[in-house]
Amino acid sequence: MPDARTHDIITIATAVALAPLAQIVQVNSLSIGSLDAYPNSAWLVIAHVISGVLFSPDLDLDSAIDNRWGIFFWIWRPYMWLVPHRSVWSHSLIFSPLLRMAYFYFVLLGIILGATWLLGQVGIVVPDYSQQLSLTINHVTTDYPNASLAFVIGFCTGSAAHSIADWLVTSGKHILRRVGLQIRRDYRHHDRYVPRQRRAGR
């Protein structure tokens, strides 16, 4: 499978390709005015990049992706333990990105509720941020349905770009082997990718 850097390049390249495509589909097929379509296209591209770079399917194992979350890497540990690597739970085209989105929402909700409870134990009363978060999401999806849908689609395409690249490399290697060709590059340890700064420091 491609390494993290290659997946990042694929994510950016496909995001660039999706931007005009999203605009054309909205204007020509959905009869949305070009000015109204621009923000939707932007949200789709932003979600595509976020999904590919931070919410990658490779969050199902200890990899360069969870390292990008810095000190918050631990929020993905339960997901990593529960989701089998390269399964339908992590690498499907639609279900897995929506699962990661829902997982992140509930983890964030749990953190807010936990922090509120702890502060309450020492006499500090804070606003009900968990309810505010839910109300904000409901407000955004209700008032901006097209932009919200564009964001969800972009979130799915960002993940799909990763999964399809993995499938193509795996299938391509099998096909090449059948005709007597062999790819010399070893992708077996692609998920243990080490950033350039850390490699230089060794």
N, C-alpha and C. Protein backbone atom coordinates (compact mmCIF):
# COMPACT_ATOMS: atom_id res chain seq x y z
N MET A 1 0.84 -1.20 0.00
CA MET A 1 0.00 0.00 0.00
C MET A 1 0.88 1.25 0.00
N PRO A 2 0.40 2.35 -0.55
CA PRO A 2 1.17 3.60 -0.53
C PRO A 2 1.46 4.05 0.90
N ASP A 3 2.57 4.77 1.08
CA ASP A 3 2.89 5.26 2.42
C ASP A 3 2.11 6.55 2.69
N ALA A 4 2.26 7.08 3.91
CA ALA A 4 1.47 8.24 4.32
C ALA A 4 1.70 9.45 3.43
N ARG A 5 2.97 9.65 3.02
CA ARG A 5 3.25 10.82 2.17
C ARG A 5 2.57 10.67 0.81
N THR A 6 2.60 9.48 0.25
CA THR A 6 1.93 9.25 -1.03
C THR A 6 0.43 9.46 -0.91
N HIS A 7 -0.15 8.97 0.19
CA HIS A 7 -1.58 9.18 0.42
C HIS A 7 -1.90 10.67 0.53
N ASP A 8 -1.02 11.45 1.15
CA ASP A 8 -1.24 12.89 1.27
C ASP A 8 -1.25 13.54 -0.12
N ILE A 9 -0.31 13.11 -0.96
CA ILE A 9 -0.25 13.65 -2.33
C ILE A 9 -1.52 13.30 -3.09
N ILE A 10 -1.99 12.06 -2.93
CA ILE A 10 -3.23 11.62 -3.58
C ILE A 10 -4.40 12.45 -3.08
N THR A 11 -4.44 12.71 -1.78
CA THR A 11 -5.54 13.51 -1.20
C THR A 11 -5.56 14.91 -1.79
N ILE A 12 -4.41 15.56 -1.86
CA ILE A 12 -4.34 16.93 -2.39
C ILE A 12 -4.69 16.94 -3.88
N ALA A 13 -4.14 15.98 -4.63
CA ALA A 13 -4.39 15.93 -6.08
C ALA A 13 -5.87 15.71 -6.38
N THR A 14 -6.49 14.79 -5.65
CA THR A 14 -7.91 14.53 -5.89
C THR A 14 -8.77 15.71 -5.42
N ALA A 15 -8.33 16.42 -4.38
CA ALA A 15 -9.07 17.61 -3.93
C ALA A 15 -9.05 18.68 -5.01
N VAL A 16 -7.91 18.88 -5.64
CA VAL A 16 -7.79 19.86 -6.72
C VAL A 16 -8.70 19.48 -7.89
N ALA A 17 -8.76 18.17 -8.18
CA ALA A 17 -9.61 17.70 -9.28
C ALA A 17 -11.09 17.82 -8.94
N LEU A 18 -11.43 17.64 -7.67
CA LEU A 18 -12.84 17.68 -7.26
C LEU A 18 -13.42 19.09 -7.26
N ALA A 19 -12.57 20.10 -7.03
CA ALA A 19 -13.07 21.47 -6.92
C ALA A 19 -13.86 21.92 -8.16
N PRO A 20 -13.28 21.85 -9.36
CA PRO A 20 -14.07 22.26 -10.54
C PRO A 20 -15.21 21.29 -10.84
N LEU A 21 -15.00 20.00 -10.55
CA LEU A 21 -16.04 19.01 -10.81
C LEU A 21 -17.28 19.29 -9.95
N ALA A 22 -17.05 19.60 -8.66
CA ALA A 22 -18.17 19.91 -7.77
C ALA A 22 -18.92 21.15 -8.25
N GLN A 23 -18.18 22.13 -8.72
CA GLN A 23 -18.79 23.36 -9.22
C GLN A 23 -19.65 23.08 -10.45
N ILE A 24 -19.11 22.29 -11.37
CA ILE A 24 -19.83 21.98 -12.62
C ILE A 24 -21.11 21.19 -12.34
N VAL A 25 -21.01 20.20 -11.45
CA VAL A 25 -22.18 19.37 -11.12
C VAL A 25 -23.27 20.22 -10.49
N GLN A 26 -22.90 21.11 -9.59
CA GLN A 26 -23.91 21.95 -8.93
C GLN A 26 -24.60 22.89 -9.90
N VAL A 27 -23.81 23.52 -10.77
CA VAL A 27 -24.37 24.51 -11.69
C VAL A 27 -25.18 23.85 -12.80
N ASN A 28 -24.62 22.79 -13.40
CA ASN A 28 -25.25 22.19 -14.58
C ASN A 28 -26.30 21.13 -14.25
N SER A 29 -26.07 20.36 -13.19
CA SER A 29 -26.99 19.26 -12.89
C SER A 29 -27.99 19.58 -11.78
N LEU A 30 -27.57 20.40 -10.82
CA LEU A 30 -28.44 20.70 -9.69
C LEU A 30 -29.07 22.09 -9.78
N SER A 31 -28.74 22.82 -10.84
CA SER A 31 -29.29 24.17 -11.08
C SER A 31 -29.06 25.12 -9.92
N ILE A 32 -27.89 25.01 -9.30
CA ILE A 32 -27.50 25.94 -8.24
C ILE A 32 -26.67 27.05 -8.88
N GLY A 33 -26.97 28.30 -8.53
CA GLY A 33 -26.22 29.42 -9.09
C GLY A 33 -24.74 29.31 -8.79
N SER A 34 -23.91 29.80 -9.71
CA SER A 34 -22.47 29.64 -9.55
C SER A 34 -21.94 30.30 -8.27
N LEU A 35 -22.50 31.46 -7.91
CA LEU A 35 -22.05 32.13 -6.69
C LEU A 35 -22.42 31.32 -5.44
N ASP A 36 -23.61 30.72 -5.46
CA ASP A 36 -24.04 29.89 -4.33
C ASP A 36 -23.27 28.58 -4.29
N ALA A 37 -22.80 28.12 -5.43
CA ALA A 37 -22.10 26.84 -5.51
C ALA A 37 -20.67 26.93 -4.99
N TYR A 38 -20.05 28.10 -5.07
CA TYR A 38 -18.65 28.24 -4.65
C TYR A 38 -18.42 27.82 -3.19
N PRO A 39 -19.24 28.31 -2.23
CA PRO A 39 -19.01 27.89 -0.83
C PRO A 39 -19.19 26.38 -0.64
N ASN A 40 -20.17 25.79 -1.34
CA ASN A 40 -20.37 24.36 -1.22
C ASN A 40 -19.16 23.59 -1.74
N SER A 41 -18.63 24.04 -2.87
CA SER A 41 -17.44 23.39 -3.44
C SER A 41 -16.26 23.53 -2.48
N ALA A 42 -16.14 24.71 -1.86
CA ALA A 42 -15.05 24.94 -0.92
C ALA A 42 -15.15 24.00 0.28
N TRP A 43 -16.37 23.86 0.82
CA TRP A 43 -16.56 22.96 1.96
C TRP A 43 -16.29 21.51 1.59
N LEU A 44 -16.66 21.13 0.38
CA LEU A 44 -16.38 19.77 -0.07
C LEU A 44 -14.88 19.51 -0.11
N VAL A 45 -14.14 20.45 -0.68
CA VAL A 45 -12.68 20.29 -0.79
C VAL A 45 -12.03 20.30 0.60
N ILE A 46 -12.47 21.20 1.47
CA ILE A 46 -11.91 21.26 2.83
C ILE A 46 -12.14 19.95 3.56
N ALA A 47 -13.37 19.42 3.47
CA ALA A 47 -13.69 18.15 4.14
C ALA A 47 -12.89 17.00 3.54
N HIS A 48 -12.69 17.02 2.23
CA HIS A 48 -11.91 15.99 1.54
C HIS A 48 -10.49 15.94 2.10
N VAL A 49 -9.88 17.10 2.24
CA VAL A 49 -8.50 17.17 2.75
C VAL A 49 -8.45 16.77 4.23
N ILE A 50 -9.36 17.28 5.04
CA ILE A 50 -9.39 16.93 6.46
C ILE A 50 -9.55 15.42 6.63
N SER A 51 -10.46 14.84 5.85
CA SER A 51 -10.70 13.40 5.94
C SER A 51 -9.47 12.60 5.56
N GLY A 52 -8.82 13.00 4.47
CA GLY A 52 -7.66 12.25 4.00
C GLY A 52 -6.44 12.39 4.88
N VAL A 53 -6.26 13.58 5.47
CA VAL A 53 -5.04 13.85 6.23
C VAL A 53 -5.18 13.52 7.72
N LEU A 54 -6.32 13.88 8.33
CA LEU A 54 -6.50 13.67 9.78
C LEU A 54 -7.40 12.50 10.14
N PHE A 55 -8.36 12.18 9.26
CA PHE A 55 -9.32 11.11 9.56
C PHE A 55 -9.14 9.93 8.61
N SER A 56 -7.92 9.67 8.24
CA SER A 56 -7.60 8.62 7.28
C SER A 56 -8.07 7.24 7.73
N PRO A 57 -8.36 6.35 6.80
CA PRO A 57 -8.70 4.97 7.17
C PRO A 57 -7.62 4.28 8.00
N ASP A 58 -6.37 4.77 7.92
CA ASP A 58 -5.29 4.15 8.68
C ASP A 58 -5.29 4.51 10.16
N LEU A 59 -6.33 5.19 10.61
CA LEU A 59 -6.48 5.41 12.06
C LEU A 59 -6.82 4.11 12.79
N ASP A 60 -7.02 3.03 12.01
CA ASP A 60 -7.33 1.74 12.63
C ASP A 60 -6.08 1.01 13.12
N LEU A 61 -4.92 1.68 13.03
CA LEU A 61 -3.70 1.12 13.60
C LEU A 61 -2.74 2.25 13.96
N ASP A 62 -1.72 1.93 14.74
CA ASP A 62 -0.74 2.93 15.17
C ASP A 62 0.07 3.34 13.95
N SER A 63 -0.14 4.55 13.49
CA SER A 63 0.48 4.98 12.23
C SER A 63 0.82 6.46 12.29
N ALA A 64 1.32 6.95 11.14
CA ALA A 64 1.64 8.38 11.06
C ALA A 64 0.41 9.24 11.23
N ILE A 65 -0.76 8.69 10.94
CA ILE A 65 -1.99 9.49 10.98
C ILE A 65 -2.37 9.87 12.40
N ASP A 66 -2.38 8.90 13.33
CA ASP A 66 -2.74 9.27 14.70
C ASP A 66 -1.66 10.12 15.34
N ASN A 67 -0.42 10.05 14.83
CA ASN A 67 0.64 10.94 15.34
C ASN A 67 0.33 12.40 15.03
N ARG A 68 -0.42 12.64 13.97
CA ARG A 68 -0.76 14.01 13.58
C ARG A 68 -1.70 14.68 14.58
N TRP A 69 -2.32 13.88 15.43
CA TRP A 69 -3.22 14.44 16.43
C TRP A 69 -2.46 14.93 17.66
N GLY A 70 -1.12 14.78 17.64
CA GLY A 70 -0.30 15.27 18.75
C GLY A 70 -0.69 14.66 20.08
N ILE A 71 -0.86 15.49 21.10
CA ILE A 71 -1.16 14.98 22.44
C ILE A 71 -2.56 14.36 22.52
N PHE A 72 -3.37 14.56 21.46
CA PHE A 72 -4.72 14.00 21.47
C PHE A 72 -4.80 12.66 20.72
N PHE A 73 -3.63 12.06 20.45
CA PHE A 73 -3.60 10.79 19.74
C PHE A 73 -4.43 9.73 20.46
N TRP A 74 -4.52 9.84 21.78
CA TRP A 74 -5.17 8.80 22.60
C TRP A 74 -6.66 8.65 22.32
N ILE A 75 -7.28 9.69 21.74
CA ILE A 75 -8.73 9.58 21.51
C ILE A 75 -9.04 8.51 20.46
N TRP A 76 -8.03 8.15 19.64
CA TRP A 76 -8.25 7.15 18.61
C TRP A 76 -7.86 5.74 19.06
N ARG A 77 -7.35 5.60 20.28
CA ARG A 77 -6.94 4.27 20.75
C ARG A 77 -8.11 3.28 20.81
N PRO A 78 -9.26 3.64 21.39
CA PRO A 78 -10.39 2.68 21.39
C PRO A 78 -10.82 2.28 19.98
N TYR A 79 -10.85 3.25 19.08
CA TYR A 79 -11.18 2.96 17.68
C TYR A 79 -10.18 1.97 17.10
N MET A 80 -8.91 2.20 17.37
CA MET A 80 -7.85 1.35 16.87
C MET A 80 -7.97 -0.08 17.39
N TRP A 81 -8.33 -0.20 18.67
CA TRP A 81 -8.44 -1.54 19.28
C TRP A 81 -9.66 -2.30 18.76
N LEU A 82 -10.75 -1.57 18.45
CA LEU A 82 -12.01 -2.21 18.09
C LEU A 82 -12.17 -2.49 16.59
N VAL A 83 -11.51 -1.68 15.76
CA VAL A 83 -11.72 -1.79 14.32
C VAL A 83 -10.59 -2.58 13.67
N PRO A 84 -10.91 -3.70 13.01
CA PRO A 84 -9.88 -4.50 12.33
C PRO A 84 -9.28 -3.72 11.17
N HIS A 85 -7.96 -3.84 10.98
CA HIS A 85 -7.27 -3.10 9.93
C HIS A 85 -7.72 -3.53 8.55
N ARG A 86 -7.98 -2.54 7.68
CA ARG A 86 -8.37 -2.72 6.29
C ARG A 86 -9.64 -3.55 6.17
N SER A 87 -10.52 -3.43 7.12
CA SER A 87 -11.80 -4.12 7.07
C SER A 87 -12.85 -3.16 6.51
N VAL A 88 -14.08 -3.66 6.35
CA VAL A 88 -15.17 -2.82 5.89
C VAL A 88 -15.45 -1.70 6.89
N TRP A 89 -15.07 -1.93 8.15
CA TRP A 89 -15.27 -0.92 9.19
C TRP A 89 -14.34 0.28 9.01
N SER A 90 -13.18 0.06 8.41
CA SER A 90 -12.20 1.15 8.30
C SER A 90 -11.96 1.63 6.88
N HIS A 91 -12.11 0.75 5.88
CA HIS A 91 -11.72 1.11 4.53
C HIS A 91 -12.87 1.07 3.51
N SER A 92 -14.12 1.02 3.96
CA SER A 92 -15.22 1.09 2.99
C SER A 92 -15.38 2.54 2.50
N LEU A 93 -16.09 2.71 1.40
CA LEU A 93 -16.14 4.02 0.76
C LEU A 93 -17.04 5.03 1.48
N ILE A 94 -18.13 4.56 2.06
CA ILE A 94 -19.08 5.49 2.70
C ILE A 94 -19.22 5.22 4.20
N PHE A 95 -19.41 3.96 4.56
CA PHE A 95 -19.68 3.62 5.95
C PHE A 95 -18.54 4.02 6.88
N SER A 96 -17.31 3.70 6.52
CA SER A 96 -16.19 3.93 7.45
C SER A 96 -15.92 5.42 7.72
N PRO A 97 -15.95 6.32 6.72
CA PRO A 97 -15.75 7.73 7.07
C PRO A 97 -16.87 8.28 7.95
N LEU A 98 -18.11 7.83 7.70
CA LEU A 98 -19.22 8.27 8.55
C LEU A 98 -19.07 7.71 9.97
N LEU A 99 -18.53 6.50 10.07
CA LEU A 99 -18.27 5.92 11.39
C LEU A 99 -17.24 6.74 12.15
N ARG A 100 -16.16 7.14 11.46
CA ARG A 100 -15.13 7.96 12.12
C ARG A 100 -15.67 9.33 12.52
N MET A 101 -16.53 9.89 11.68
CA MET A 101 -17.14 11.18 12.01
C MET A 101 -18.01 11.05 13.26
N ALA A 102 -18.83 10.01 13.31
CA ALA A 102 -19.70 9.79 14.47
C ALA A 102 -18.88 9.48 15.71
N TYR A 103 -17.84 8.67 15.54
CA TYR A 103 -16.97 8.33 16.67
C TYR A 103 -16.35 9.59 17.27
N PHE A 104 -15.82 10.46 16.41
CA PHE A 104 -15.19 11.69 16.88
C PHE A 104 -16.19 12.58 17.60
N TYR A 105 -17.41 12.66 17.07
CA TYR A 105 -18.44 13.48 17.70
C TYR A 105 -18.74 12.97 19.11
N PHE A 106 -18.92 11.66 19.26
CA PHE A 106 -19.27 11.12 20.57
C PHE A 106 -18.10 11.19 21.55
N VAL A 107 -16.88 11.06 21.05
CA VAL A 107 -15.72 11.22 21.92
C VAL A 107 -15.64 12.66 22.41
N LEU A 108 -15.83 13.62 21.49
CA LEU A 108 -15.82 15.03 21.87
C LEU A 108 -16.91 15.33 22.88
N LEU A 109 -18.08 14.76 22.65
CA LEU A 109 -19.20 14.94 23.58
C LEU A 109 -18.85 14.37 24.95
N GLY A 110 -18.23 13.19 24.97
CA GLY A 110 -17.83 12.56 26.23
C GLY A 110 -16.81 13.38 26.99
N ILE A 111 -15.85 13.95 26.25
CA ILE A 111 -14.82 14.79 26.89
C ILE A 111 -15.46 16.02 27.53
N ILE A 112 -16.38 16.66 26.80
CA ILE A 112 -17.05 17.85 27.33
C ILE A 112 -17.86 17.51 28.58
N LEU A 113 -18.62 16.40 28.51
CA LEU A 113 -19.43 15.99 29.66
C LEU A 113 -18.54 15.63 30.85
N GLY A 114 -17.45 14.94 30.59
CA GLY A 114 -16.53 14.56 31.66
C GLY A 114 -15.89 15.77 32.32
N ALA A 115 -15.45 16.72 31.48
CA ALA A 115 -14.82 17.93 32.02
C ALA A 115 -15.83 18.75 32.82
N THR A 116 -17.07 18.82 32.32
CA THR A 116 -18.12 19.56 33.03
C THR A 116 -18.38 18.94 34.40
N TRP A 117 -18.44 17.61 34.43
CA TRP A 117 -18.70 16.90 35.69
C TRP A 117 -17.56 17.12 36.68
N LEU A 118 -16.32 17.01 36.19
CA LEU A 118 -15.16 17.19 37.08
C LEU A 118 -15.12 18.60 37.65
N LEU A 119 -15.37 19.60 36.80
CA LEU A 119 -15.38 20.98 37.28
C LEU A 119 -16.50 21.18 38.29
N GLY A 120 -17.63 20.52 38.06
CA GLY A 120 -18.75 20.62 38.99
C GLY A 120 -18.41 20.06 40.36
N GLN A 121 -17.54 19.04 40.41
CA GLN A 121 -17.15 18.45 41.68
C GLN A 121 -16.32 19.39 42.55
N VAL A 122 -15.67 20.36 41.91
CA VAL A 122 -14.88 21.33 42.69
C VAL A 122 -15.58 22.68 42.77
N GLY A 123 -16.87 22.68 42.43
CA GLY A 123 -17.67 23.89 42.59
C GLY A 123 -17.62 24.88 41.46
N ILE A 124 -17.06 24.48 40.31
CA ILE A 124 -17.00 25.38 39.16
C ILE A 124 -18.14 25.01 38.21
N VAL A 125 -19.03 25.94 37.99
CA VAL A 125 -20.17 25.70 37.10
C VAL A 125 -19.88 26.31 35.74
N VAL A 126 -19.99 25.51 34.71
CA VAL A 126 -19.74 25.98 33.34
C VAL A 126 -21.00 25.79 32.52
N PRO A 127 -21.15 26.54 31.42
CA PRO A 127 -22.33 26.36 30.56
C PRO A 127 -22.42 24.92 30.04
N ASP A 128 -23.58 24.54 29.59
CA ASP A 128 -23.80 23.20 29.05
C ASP A 128 -23.28 23.15 27.61
N TYR A 129 -21.95 23.00 27.50
CA TYR A 129 -21.33 23.02 26.19
C TYR A 129 -21.73 21.83 25.33
N SER A 130 -22.05 20.69 25.96
CA SER A 130 -22.45 19.53 25.18
C SER A 130 -23.76 19.80 24.44
N GLN A 131 -24.69 20.44 25.13
CA GLN A 131 -25.96 20.78 24.48
C GLN A 131 -25.75 21.84 23.42
N GLN A 132 -24.87 22.80 23.71
CA GLN A 132 -24.58 23.84 22.73
C GLN A 132 -23.95 23.26 21.47
N LEU A 133 -23.09 22.25 21.64
CA LEU A 133 -22.47 21.59 20.48
C LEU A 133 -23.54 20.93 19.61
N SER A 134 -24.44 20.20 20.25
CA SER A 134 -25.51 19.52 19.50
C SER A 134 -26.42 20.52 18.81
N LEU A 135 -26.75 21.60 19.51
CA LEU A 135 -27.62 22.63 18.93
C LEU A 135 -26.94 23.32 17.75
N THR A 136 -25.64 23.56 17.88
CA THR A 136 -24.89 24.21 16.80
C THR A 136 -24.87 23.34 15.55
N ILE A 137 -24.62 22.05 15.73
CA ILE A 137 -24.61 21.13 14.59
C ILE A 137 -25.98 21.07 13.95
N ASN A 138 -27.01 21.01 14.77
CA ASN A 138 -28.38 20.99 14.25
C ASN A 138 -28.71 22.28 13.50
N HIS A 139 -28.26 23.40 14.05
CA HIS A 139 -28.49 24.71 13.42
C HIS A 139 -27.79 24.77 12.06
N VAL A 140 -26.55 24.34 12.00
CA VAL A 140 -25.78 24.41 10.75
C VAL A 140 -26.40 23.52 9.68
N THR A 141 -26.73 22.29 10.05
CA THR A 141 -27.29 21.36 9.05
C THR A 141 -28.68 21.79 8.57
N THR A 142 -29.43 22.45 9.46
CA THR A 142 -30.78 22.90 9.09
C THR A 142 -30.73 24.16 8.23
N ASP A 143 -29.87 25.11 8.62
CA ASP A 143 -29.82 26.40 7.91
C ASP A 143 -28.94 26.35 6.65
N TYR A 144 -27.99 25.43 6.61
CA TYR A 144 -27.10 25.34 5.45
C TYR A 144 -27.05 23.88 4.95
N PRO A 145 -28.18 23.37 4.46
CA PRO A 145 -28.23 21.96 4.07
C PRO A 145 -27.28 21.60 2.92
N ASN A 146 -27.17 22.50 1.93
CA ASN A 146 -26.30 22.19 0.78
C ASN A 146 -24.83 22.15 1.20
N ALA A 147 -24.42 23.11 2.01
CA ALA A 147 -23.03 23.14 2.47
C ALA A 147 -22.74 21.94 3.37
N SER A 148 -23.71 21.58 4.22
CA SER A 148 -23.54 20.42 5.11
C SER A 148 -23.41 19.13 4.30
N LEU A 149 -24.26 18.99 3.28
CA LEU A 149 -24.18 17.80 2.43
C LEU A 149 -22.86 17.76 1.69
N ALA A 150 -22.41 18.92 1.21
CA ALA A 150 -21.12 18.99 0.51
C ALA A 150 -19.98 18.56 1.43
N PHE A 151 -20.05 18.99 2.70
CA PHE A 151 -19.01 18.61 3.66
C PHE A 151 -19.00 17.10 3.88
N VAL A 152 -20.17 16.51 4.04
CA VAL A 152 -20.25 15.05 4.25
C VAL A 152 -19.74 14.30 3.02
N ILE A 153 -20.12 14.75 1.83
CA ILE A 153 -19.64 14.11 0.61
C ILE A 153 -18.12 14.21 0.52
N GLY A 154 -17.58 15.41 0.80
CA GLY A 154 -16.13 15.59 0.77
C GLY A 154 -15.42 14.72 1.79
N PHE A 155 -16.04 14.57 2.96
CA PHE A 155 -15.46 13.71 4.00
C PHE A 155 -15.38 12.27 3.50
N CYS A 156 -16.40 11.84 2.77
CA CYS A 156 -16.40 10.47 2.23
C CYS A 156 -15.41 10.32 1.08
N THR A 157 -15.31 11.32 0.20
CA THR A 157 -14.39 11.21 -0.93
C THR A 157 -12.93 11.23 -0.47
N GLY A 158 -12.64 11.98 0.59
CA GLY A 158 -11.28 12.01 1.11
C GLY A 158 -10.85 10.64 1.61
N SER A 159 -11.75 9.96 2.29
CA SER A 159 -11.47 8.61 2.76
C SER A 159 -11.42 7.63 1.59
N ALA A 160 -12.33 7.80 0.64
CA ALA A 160 -12.39 6.90 -0.52
C ALA A 160 -11.12 6.96 -1.34
N ALA A 161 -10.53 8.15 -1.48
CA ALA A 161 -9.28 8.29 -2.23
C ALA A 161 -8.19 7.42 -1.62
N HIS A 162 -8.16 7.36 -0.29
CA HIS A 162 -7.18 6.52 0.41
C HIS A 162 -7.48 5.03 0.16
N SER A 163 -8.72 4.64 0.37
CA SER A 163 -9.10 3.22 0.25
C SER A 163 -8.88 2.71 -1.17
N ILE A 164 -9.29 3.51 -2.16
CA ILE A 164 -9.14 3.09 -3.56
C ILE A 164 -7.67 2.95 -3.92
N ALA A 165 -6.84 3.87 -3.43
CA ALA A 165 -5.39 3.77 -3.70
C ALA A 165 -4.83 2.47 -3.13
N ASP A 166 -5.25 2.12 -1.90
CA ASP A 166 -4.81 0.85 -1.30
C ASP A 166 -5.26 -0.34 -2.14
N TRP A 167 -6.51 -0.31 -2.57
CA TRP A 167 -7.05 -1.43 -3.36
C TRP A 167 -6.32 -1.56 -4.69
N LEU A 168 -6.04 -0.43 -5.35
CA LEU A 168 -5.37 -0.46 -6.65
C LEU A 168 -3.96 -1.02 -6.53
N VAL A 169 -3.25 -0.60 -5.49
CA VAL A 169 -1.87 -1.10 -5.31
C VAL A 169 -1.89 -2.60 -5.03
N THR A 170 -2.79 -3.03 -4.13
CA THR A 170 -2.87 -4.45 -3.79
C THR A 170 -3.26 -5.28 -5.01
N SER A 171 -4.31 -4.87 -5.72
CA SER A 171 -4.77 -5.60 -6.90
C SER A 171 -3.73 -5.54 -8.01
N GLY A 172 -3.11 -4.36 -8.17
CA GLY A 172 -2.10 -4.20 -9.21
C GLY A 172 -0.91 -5.13 -9.00
N LYS A 173 -0.48 -5.28 -7.76
CA LYS A 173 0.64 -6.17 -7.48
C LYS A 173 0.29 -7.61 -7.80
N HIS A 174 -0.94 -8.02 -7.50
CA HIS A 174 -1.38 -9.39 -7.80
C HIS A 174 -1.40 -9.63 -9.32
N ILE A 175 -1.91 -8.64 -10.05
CA ILE A 175 -2.00 -8.78 -11.51
C ILE A 175 -0.61 -8.85 -12.12
N LEU A 176 0.29 -7.97 -11.65
CA LEU A 176 1.65 -7.96 -12.19
C LEU A 176 2.38 -9.26 -11.90
N ARG A 177 2.13 -9.81 -10.72
CA ARG A 177 2.77 -11.08 -10.38
C ARG A 177 2.33 -12.18 -11.34
N ARG A 178 1.06 -12.15 -11.72
CA ARG A 178 0.52 -13.19 -12.61
C ARG A 178 1.17 -13.15 -13.99
N VAL A 179 1.61 -11.95 -14.40
CA VAL A 179 2.25 -11.85 -15.72
C VAL A 179 3.78 -11.86 -15.60
N GLY A 180 4.26 -12.18 -14.42
CA GLY A 180 5.70 -12.35 -14.23
C GLY A 180 6.48 -11.12 -13.83
N LEU A 181 5.78 -10.04 -13.51
CA LEU A 181 6.45 -8.80 -13.08
C LEU A 181 6.32 -8.65 -11.58
N GLN A 182 7.30 -7.99 -10.98
CA GLN A 182 7.26 -7.82 -9.54
C GLN A 182 7.67 -6.41 -9.17
N ILE A 183 6.86 -5.78 -8.28
CA ILE A 183 7.19 -4.44 -7.78
C ILE A 183 8.24 -4.58 -6.69
N ARG A 184 9.35 -3.89 -6.85
CA ARG A 184 10.44 -4.06 -5.90
C ARG A 184 10.23 -3.26 -4.62
N ARG A 185 9.48 -2.18 -4.70
CA ARG A 185 9.28 -1.35 -3.51
C ARG A 185 8.44 -2.11 -2.48
N ASP A 186 8.88 -2.10 -1.25
CA ASP A 186 8.20 -2.84 -0.19
C ASP A 186 7.25 -1.92 0.55
N TYR A 187 5.95 -2.21 0.44
CA TYR A 187 4.93 -1.38 1.10
C TYR A 187 4.43 -2.00 2.39
N ARG A 188 5.06 -3.11 2.80
CA ARG A 188 4.49 -3.82 3.96
C ARG A 188 4.47 -2.97 5.22
N HIS A 189 5.44 -2.08 5.36
CA HIS A 189 5.53 -1.30 6.59
C HIS A 189 5.11 0.15 6.35
N HIS A 190 4.21 0.36 5.37
CA HIS A 190 3.81 1.73 5.04
C HIS A 190 3.17 2.44 6.22
N ASP A 191 2.54 1.73 7.11
CA ASP A 191 1.83 2.36 8.22
C ASP A 191 2.76 2.78 9.35
N ARG A 192 4.02 2.37 9.28
CA ARG A 192 5.01 2.77 10.28
C ARG A 192 5.84 3.94 9.78
N TYR A 193 5.28 4.71 8.87
CA TYR A 193 5.97 5.86 8.28
C TYR A 193 6.49 6.80 9.36
N VAL A 194 7.73 7.24 9.19
CA VAL A 194 8.35 8.17 10.14
C VAL A 194 8.58 9.50 9.42
N PRO A 195 8.09 10.62 9.96
CA PRO A 195 8.28 11.92 9.33
C PRO A 195 9.75 12.24 9.11
N ARG A 196 10.01 13.07 8.10
CA ARG A 196 11.39 13.41 7.71
C ARG A 196 12.19 13.97 8.89
N GLN A 197 11.57 14.83 9.73
CA GLN A 197 12.29 15.44 10.84
C GLN A 197 12.82 14.38 11.81
N ARG A 198 11.97 13.38 12.08
CA ARG A 198 12.38 12.34 13.01
C ARG A 198 13.41 11.42 12.41
N ARG A 199 13.32 11.19 11.08
CA ARG A 199 14.33 10.36 10.41
C ARG A 199 15.67 11.05 10.47
N ALA A 200 15.68 12.38 10.26
CA ALA A 200 16.92 13.13 10.26
C ALA A 200 17.56 13.15 11.63
N GLY A 201 16.73 13.08 12.68
CA GLY A 201 17.25 13.13 14.04
C GLY A 201 17.81 11.83 14.56
N ARG A 202 17.65 10.77 13.75
CA ARG A 202 18.13 9.46 14.24
C ARG A 202 19.64 9.36 14.16
